[in-house]
C-alpha atoms as a PDB file:
ATOM      1  CA  MET A   1      -5.610  26.410   1.655  1.00  0.00           C
ATOM      2  CA  GLU A   2      -1.874  26.444   1.335  1.00  0.00           C
ATOM      3  CA  ARG A   3       0.041  23.148   1.279  1.00  0.00           C
ATOM      4  CA  ASP A   4       2.138  22.309   4.267  1.00  0.00           C
ATOM      5  CA  PHE A   5       5.073  20.309   2.797  1.00  0.00           C
ATOM      6  CA  THR A   6       6.038  18.871   6.268  1.00  0.00           C
ATOM      7  CA  LEU A   7       2.644  17.026   6.169  1.00  0.00           C
ATOM      8  CA  PHE A   8       2.387  16.625   2.407  1.00  0.00           C
ATOM      9  CA  PRO A   9       5.957  16.250   0.873  1.00  0.00           C
ATOM     10  CA  ASP A  10       6.487  16.702  -2.720  1.00  0.00           C
ATOM     11  CA  ASP A  11       6.509  13.045  -3.700  1.00  0.00           C
ATOM     12  CA  ASN A  12       3.918  10.472  -4.995  1.00  0.00           C
ATOM     13  CA  ILE A  13       2.479   9.794  -1.505  1.00  0.00           C
ATOM     14  CA  GLY A  14       2.416  13.459  -0.400  1.00  0.00           C
ATOM     15  CA  ASN A  15       0.880  14.443  -3.708  1.00  0.00           C
ATOM     16  CA  ALA A  16      -1.814  11.833  -3.529  1.00  0.00           C
ATOM     17  CA  LEU A  17      -2.735  12.828  -0.012  1.00  0.00           C
ATOM     18  CA  TRP A  18      -2.772  16.468  -0.876  1.00  0.00           C
ATOM     19  CA  GLN A  19      -5.142  15.628  -3.734  1.00  0.00           C
ATOM     20  CA  MET A  20      -7.338  13.528  -1.380  1.00  0.00           C
ATOM     21  CA  LEU A  21      -7.560  16.380   1.102  1.00  0.00           C
ATOM     22  CA  GLN A  22      -8.326  18.933  -1.689  1.00  0.00           C
ATOM     23  CA  GLN A  23     -11.219  16.646  -2.679  1.00  0.00           C
ATOM     24  CA  GLY A  24     -12.684  16.894   0.912  1.00  0.00           C
ATOM     25  CA  ASP A  25     -11.334  13.739   2.313  1.00  0.00           C
ATOM     26  CA  ASP A  26     -10.985  13.716   6.097  1.00  0.00           C
ATOM     27  CA  LEU A  27      -7.583  12.068   6.147  1.00  0.00           C
ATOM     28  CA  LEU A  28      -7.756  11.664   9.955  1.00  0.00           C
ATOM     29  CA  GLN A  29     -10.685   9.273   9.657  1.00  0.00           C
ATOM     30  CA  THR A  30      -9.547   5.643   9.952  1.00  0.00           C
ATOM     31  CA  ARG A  31     -10.199   3.680   6.762  1.00  0.00           C
ATOM     32  CA  GLU A  32      -8.991   0.574   4.965  1.00  0.00           C
ATOM     33  CA  ILE A  33      -5.961   1.258   2.737  1.00  0.00           C
ATOM     34  CA  GLU A  34      -4.892  -1.280   0.177  1.00  0.00           C
ATOM     35  CA  PHE A  35      -1.135  -2.046  -0.193  1.00  0.00           C
ATOM     36  CA  SER A  36       0.011  -4.363  -2.957  1.00  0.00           C
ATOM     37  CA  VAL A  37       3.101  -6.527  -3.243  1.00  0.00           C
ATOM     38  CA  ILE A  38       3.776  -8.756  -6.206  1.00  0.00           C
ATOM     39  CA  PHE A  39       5.812 -11.941  -6.444  1.00  0.00           C
ATOM     40  CA  PRO A  40       7.727 -14.029  -8.971  1.00  0.00           C
ATOM     41  CA  ASN A  41       5.846 -17.230  -8.131  1.00  0.00           C
ATOM     42  CA  GLN A  42       2.833 -18.432  -6.307  1.00  0.00           C
ATOM     43  CA  GLU A  43       4.717 -20.222  -3.445  1.00  0.00           C
ATOM     44  CA  LEU A  44       6.571 -17.025  -2.382  1.00  0.00           C
ATOM     45  CA  ALA A  45       3.327 -15.046  -2.510  1.00  0.00           C
ATOM     46  CA  LEU A  46       1.632 -17.621  -0.307  1.00  0.00           C
ATOM     47  CA  LYS A  47       4.447 -17.499   2.201  1.00  0.00           C
ATOM     48  CA  PHE A  48       4.153 -13.772   2.412  1.00  0.00           C
ATOM     49  CA  GLY A  49       0.436 -14.042   2.840  1.00  0.00           C
ATOM     50  CA  HIS A  50       0.980 -16.487   5.681  1.00  0.00           C
ATOM     51  CA  LEU A  51       3.262 -14.051   7.345  1.00  0.00           C
ATOM     52  CA  LEU A  52       0.667 -11.253   7.181  1.00  0.00           C
ATOM     53  CA  LEU A  53      -2.116 -13.611   8.354  1.00  0.00           C
ATOM     54  CA  GLU A  54       0.122 -14.504  11.358  1.00  0.00           C
ATOM     55  CA  ASN A  55       0.127 -10.794  12.132  1.00  0.00           C
ATOM     56  CA  ASN A  56      -3.707 -10.556  11.976  1.00  0.00           C
ATOM     57  CA  GLN A  57      -3.735  -8.678   8.653  1.00  0.00           C
ATOM     58  CA  LYS A  58      -6.610  -8.784   6.268  1.00  0.00           C
ATOM     59  CA  LEU A  59      -5.423  -9.769   2.730  1.00  0.00           C
ATOM     60  CA  SER A  60      -6.242 -10.989  -0.730  1.00  0.00           C
ATOM     61  CA  PHE A  61      -4.309 -13.183  -2.980  1.00  0.00           C
ATOM     62  CA  CYS A  62      -4.722 -13.205  -6.779  1.00  0.00           C
ATOM     63  CA  PRO A  63      -2.866 -13.580 -10.117  1.00  0.00           C
ATOM     64  CA  TYR A  64      -1.413 -10.465 -11.470  1.00  0.00           C
ATOM     65  CA  GLN A  65      -1.457 -10.187 -15.151  1.00  0.00           C
ATOM     66  CA  GLU A  66       0.190  -6.842 -15.493  1.00  0.00           C
ATOM     67  CA  ASN A  67       3.706  -8.119 -14.966  1.00  0.00           C
ATOM     68  CA  GLU A  68       4.881 -11.371 -16.392  1.00  0.00           C
ATOM     69  CA  GLU A  69       7.954 -11.551 -14.081  1.00  0.00           C
ATOM     70  CA  PHE A  70       5.767 -10.987 -11.010  1.00  0.00           C
ATOM     71  CA  PRO A  71       2.498 -12.801 -11.779  1.00  0.00           C
ATOM     72  CA  TRP A  72       1.073 -13.129  -8.204  1.00  0.00           C
ATOM     73  CA  GLU A  73      -0.251 -10.375  -5.993  1.00  0.00           C
ATOM     74  CA  ILE A  74      -0.871 -10.063  -2.281  1.00  0.00           C
ATOM     75  CA  THR A  75      -2.862  -7.113  -1.112  1.00  0.00           C
ATOM     76  CA  ALA A  76      -3.034  -6.126   2.586  1.00  0.00           C
ATOM     77  CA  TYR A  77      -5.869  -4.018   4.003  1.00  0.00           C
ATOM     78  CA  PRO A  78      -4.755  -2.435   7.207  1.00  0.00           C
ATOM     79  CA  GLU A  79      -7.045   0.228   8.812  1.00  0.00           C
ATOM     80  CA  MET A  80      -5.428   3.530   9.612  1.00  0.00           C
ATOM     81  CA  PRO A  81      -5.809   7.226   9.168  1.00  0.00           C
ATOM     82  CA  ALA A  82      -4.452   8.301   5.770  1.00  0.00           C
ATOM     83  CA  SER A  83      -1.403  10.213   6.978  1.00  0.00           C
ATOM     84  CA  TYR A  84       2.103  10.400   5.211  1.00  0.00           C
ATOM     85  CA  GLU A  85       3.684   8.778   8.234  1.00  0.00           C
ATOM     86  CA  ASN A  86       1.287   5.824   8.337  1.00  0.00           C
ATOM     87  CA  ILE A  87       1.573   5.110   4.621  1.00  0.00           C
ATOM     88  CA  VAL A  88       5.354   5.360   4.459  1.00  0.00           C
ATOM     89  CA  ALA A  89       5.763   3.231   7.627  1.00  0.00           C
ATOM     90  CA  TYR A  90       3.475   0.416   6.375  1.00  0.00           C
ATOM     91  CA  GLN A  91       5.063   0.559   2.886  1.00  0.00           C
ATOM     92  CA  HIS A  92       8.562   0.144   4.524  1.00  0.00           C
ATOM     93  CA  LEU A  93       7.264  -2.648   6.662  1.00  0.00           C
ATOM     94  CA  LEU A  94       5.913  -4.538   3.618  1.00  0.00           C
ATOM     95  CA  GLU A  95       9.097  -3.862   1.618  1.00  0.00           C
ATOM     96  CA  ALA A  96      11.378  -5.165   4.401  1.00  0.00           C
ATOM     97  CA  SER A  97       9.287  -8.289   5.141  1.00  0.00           C
ATOM     98  CA  SER A  98       8.733  -9.121   1.426  1.00  0.00           C
ATOM     99  CA  GLU A  99      12.330  -8.638   0.320  1.00  0.00           C
ATOM    100  CA  PRO A 100      13.508 -12.076   1.444  1.00  0.00           C
ATOM    101  CA  LEU A 101      10.627 -13.564  -0.520  1.00  0.00           C
ATOM    102  CA  LYS A 102      11.596 -11.675  -3.633  1.00  0.00           C
ATOM    103  CA  GLY A 103       8.409  -9.425  -3.285  1.00  0.00           C
ATOM    104  CA  LYS A 104       8.074  -6.041  -5.075  1.00  0.00           C
ATOM    105  CA  PHE A 105       5.962  -3.276  -3.521  1.00  0.00           C
ATOM    106  CA  ASP A 106       3.373  -2.315  -6.195  1.00  0.00           C
ATOM    107  CA  GLY A 107       1.629   0.637  -4.645  1.00  0.00           C
ATOM    108  CA  TRP A 108      -1.210   1.740  -2.296  1.00  0.00           C
ATOM    109  CA  PHE A 109      -4.836   2.763  -2.832  1.00  0.00           C
ATOM    110  CA  SER A 110      -7.546   4.338  -0.884  1.00  0.00           C
ATOM    111  CA  PRO A 111     -11.197   4.342  -2.170  1.00  0.00           C
ATOM    112  CA  SER A 112     -11.194   8.074  -2.108  1.00  0.00           C
ATOM    113  CA  MET A 113      -8.245   8.264  -4.398  1.00  0.00           C
ATOM    114  CA  ASN A 114      -8.532   8.361  -8.196  1.00  0.00           C
ATOM    115  CA  LYS A 115      -5.229   6.527  -8.792  1.00  0.00           C
ATOM    116  CA  PHE A 116      -2.545   4.460  -7.368  1.00  0.00           C
ATOM    117  CA  ALA A 117       0.540   6.073  -5.774  1.00  0.00           C
ATOM    118  CA  LEU A 118       3.889   4.531  -5.746  1.00  0.00           C
END
């Protein structure tokens, strides 16, 4: 199969989706995708979590030991097909809504992936 760069651009997201497709993943199937945002303190992370809960988003909240400056993590679990447009749009939504709370987007993950994509 030849790669269509309009559906799978040459960037981290497009490359990850292309790899998933090559491994036999049906990207059109709705699934839970994990999107993580990290925060400099617990209070800001909880405020962001509250914002997500107000918008009926499933989430988790936990300490994040991989970054001393951003030691708290909120992960959202929206259900969607794994398309480039969906992932980019949700990432931008999280970045815009977490920016006033000093949040930093930390990546996304789908269980059919072997690694995080930024």
